Amino acid sequence: MEEFICSVEFLRGPAHLIARVSSEAGGVREYRGSSAGSVIDQVINDLQEEFESAPAA
């Protein structure tokens, strides 16, 4: 059975990249950076912390 965990959108702004993350536990949040690598690192770190601290189902 599949279960919604999170949604991630990547958007390109005029001078930066934006990642918009949505999850039940963390709500909606945005990350901005000048490079794709820096934004992706922010998203990975945040989601890793969120999922490691989530109670096991």
N, C-alpha and C. Protein backbone atom coordinates (compact mmCIF):
# COMPACT_ATOMS: atom_id res chain seq x y z
N MET A 1 0.83 -1.17 0.00
CA MET A 1 0.00 0.00 0.00
C MET A 1 0.89 1.25 0.00
N GLU A 2 0.57 2.21 -0.85
CA GLU A 2 1.35 3.44 -0.94
C GLU A 2 0.79 4.48 0.01
N GLU A 3 1.70 5.31 0.51
CA GLU A 3 1.32 6.35 1.46
C GLU A 3 2.05 7.64 1.09
N PHE A 4 1.33 8.77 1.11
CA PHE A 4 1.94 10.06 0.82
C PHE A 4 2.97 10.39 1.89
N ILE A 5 4.18 10.72 1.46
CA ILE A 5 5.23 11.11 2.39
C ILE A 5 5.52 12.59 2.25
N CYS A 6 5.81 13.02 1.01
CA CYS A 6 6.10 14.43 0.80
C CYS A 6 5.98 14.78 -0.67
N SER A 7 5.95 16.06 -0.94
CA SER A 7 5.93 16.59 -2.29
C SER A 7 7.05 17.61 -2.39
N VAL A 8 7.81 17.55 -3.48
CA VAL A 8 8.92 18.49 -3.68
C VAL A 8 8.79 19.11 -5.06
N GLU A 9 8.82 20.44 -5.11
CA GLU A 9 8.78 21.18 -6.38
C GLU A 9 10.07 21.99 -6.48
N PHE A 10 10.64 22.04 -7.67
CA PHE A 10 11.80 22.89 -7.93
C PHE A 10 11.38 23.95 -8.93
N LEU A 11 11.65 25.21 -8.58
CA LEU A 11 11.29 26.35 -9.42
C LEU A 11 12.52 27.19 -9.68
N ARG A 12 12.57 27.81 -10.84
CA ARG A 12 13.70 28.68 -11.17
C ARG A 12 13.24 30.13 -11.06
N GLY A 13 13.88 30.89 -10.17
CA GLY A 13 13.60 32.30 -10.03
C GLY A 13 14.56 33.10 -10.89
N PRO A 14 14.44 34.42 -10.88
CA PRO A 14 15.31 35.25 -11.71
C PRO A 14 16.80 35.14 -11.35
N ALA A 15 17.10 34.94 -10.07
CA ALA A 15 18.51 34.88 -9.68
C ALA A 15 18.82 33.68 -8.80
N HIS A 16 17.85 32.80 -8.58
CA HIS A 16 18.08 31.68 -7.69
C HIS A 16 17.12 30.53 -8.00
N LEU A 17 17.39 29.39 -7.39
CA LEU A 17 16.55 28.22 -7.51
C LEU A 17 15.75 28.10 -6.22
N ILE A 18 14.49 27.67 -6.32
CA ILE A 18 13.63 27.53 -5.17
C ILE A 18 13.15 26.09 -5.10
N ALA A 19 13.17 25.51 -3.92
CA ALA A 19 12.57 24.20 -3.69
C ALA A 19 11.43 24.40 -2.71
N ARG A 20 10.27 23.89 -3.05
CA ARG A 20 9.09 23.97 -2.18
C ARG A 20 8.75 22.55 -1.75
N VAL A 21 8.82 22.30 -0.43
CA VAL A 21 8.60 20.98 0.12
C VAL A 21 7.33 21.01 0.97
N SER A 22 6.51 19.98 0.81
CA SER A 22 5.28 19.85 1.58
C SER A 22 5.20 18.45 2.15
N SER A 23 4.94 18.35 3.47
CA SER A 23 4.75 17.05 4.11
C SER A 23 3.77 17.22 5.27
N GLU A 24 3.17 16.13 5.69
CA GLU A 24 2.23 16.20 6.80
C GLU A 24 2.92 16.67 8.08
N ALA A 25 4.09 16.14 8.36
CA ALA A 25 4.79 16.46 9.60
C ALA A 25 5.37 17.87 9.60
N GLY A 26 5.93 18.29 8.46
CA GLY A 26 6.64 19.57 8.42
C GLY A 26 5.89 20.71 7.78
N GLY A 27 4.73 20.45 7.20
CA GLY A 27 3.98 21.50 6.51
C GLY A 27 4.67 21.90 5.22
N VAL A 28 4.45 23.14 4.81
CA VAL A 28 5.05 23.66 3.58
C VAL A 28 6.22 24.57 3.95
N ARG A 29 7.35 24.38 3.29
CA ARG A 29 8.50 25.26 3.50
C ARG A 29 9.26 25.43 2.20
N GLU A 30 10.04 26.51 2.11
CA GLU A 30 10.80 26.82 0.90
C GLU A 30 12.28 26.96 1.22
N TYR A 31 13.09 26.59 0.25
CA TYR A 31 14.55 26.73 0.34
C TYR A 31 15.01 27.45 -0.91
N ARG A 32 15.96 28.36 -0.76
CA ARG A 32 16.47 29.13 -1.89
C ARG A 32 17.99 29.05 -1.92
N GLY A 33 18.53 29.06 -3.10
CA GLY A 33 19.97 29.03 -3.25
C GLY A 33 20.37 29.42 -4.66
N SER A 34 21.64 29.73 -4.81
CA SER A 34 22.14 30.15 -6.12
C SER A 34 22.48 28.98 -7.03
N SER A 35 22.60 27.78 -6.44
CA SER A 35 22.90 26.60 -7.27
C SER A 35 21.95 25.46 -6.92
N ALA A 36 21.74 24.59 -7.89
CA ALA A 36 20.87 23.44 -7.66
C ALA A 36 21.42 22.55 -6.54
N GLY A 37 22.72 22.38 -6.52
CA GLY A 37 23.34 21.53 -5.49
C GLY A 37 23.09 22.01 -4.08
N SER A 38 23.18 23.32 -3.87
CA SER A 38 22.97 23.85 -2.51
C SER A 38 21.51 23.69 -2.08
N VAL A 39 20.58 23.89 -3.00
CA VAL A 39 19.15 23.76 -2.66
C VAL A 39 18.81 22.29 -2.41
N ILE A 40 19.32 21.41 -3.24
CA ILE A 40 19.05 19.98 -3.07
C ILE A 40 19.63 19.49 -1.74
N ASP A 41 20.82 19.95 -1.38
CA ASP A 41 21.42 19.58 -0.09
C ASP A 41 20.53 20.02 1.07
N GLN A 42 19.97 21.23 1.00
CA GLN A 42 19.08 21.72 2.05
C GLN A 42 17.85 20.83 2.18
N VAL A 43 17.26 20.47 1.04
CA VAL A 43 16.06 19.63 1.03
C VAL A 43 16.38 18.25 1.61
N ILE A 44 17.48 17.65 1.16
CA ILE A 44 17.87 16.32 1.65
C ILE A 44 18.07 16.33 3.16
N ASN A 45 18.81 17.31 3.66
CA ASN A 45 19.09 17.38 5.10
C ASN A 45 17.81 17.53 5.90
N ASP A 46 16.91 18.40 5.45
CA ASP A 46 15.66 18.64 6.17
C ASP A 46 14.79 17.38 6.18
N LEU A 47 14.62 16.74 5.02
CA LEU A 47 13.78 15.56 4.96
C LEU A 47 14.40 14.39 5.73
N GLN A 48 15.70 14.27 5.71
CA GLN A 48 16.36 13.20 6.46
C GLN A 48 16.09 13.38 7.96
N GLU A 49 16.22 14.60 8.47
CA GLU A 49 15.94 14.86 9.88
C GLU A 49 14.48 14.57 10.20
N GLU A 50 13.58 15.00 9.32
CA GLU A 50 12.15 14.79 9.54
C GLU A 50 11.80 13.31 9.60
N PHE A 51 12.30 12.53 8.66
CA PHE A 51 11.95 11.11 8.60
C PHE A 51 12.63 10.30 9.70
N GLU A 52 13.83 10.71 10.10
CA GLU A 52 14.51 9.98 11.19
C GLU A 52 13.83 10.21 12.53
N SER A 53 13.20 11.37 12.71
CA SER A 53 12.54 11.66 13.98
C SER A 53 11.06 11.25 13.99
N ALA A 54 10.54 10.81 12.84
CA ALA A 54 9.15 10.40 12.76
C ALA A 54 8.94 9.06 13.44
N PRO A 55 7.81 8.89 14.12
CA PRO A 55 7.54 7.59 14.75
C PRO A 55 7.32 6.51 13.69
N ALA A 56 7.78 5.32 13.99
CA ALA A 56 7.61 4.20 13.05
C ALA A 56 6.15 3.82 12.95
N ALA A 57 5.72 3.51 11.74
CA ALA A 57 4.30 3.16 11.54
C ALA A 57 4.03 1.71 11.88
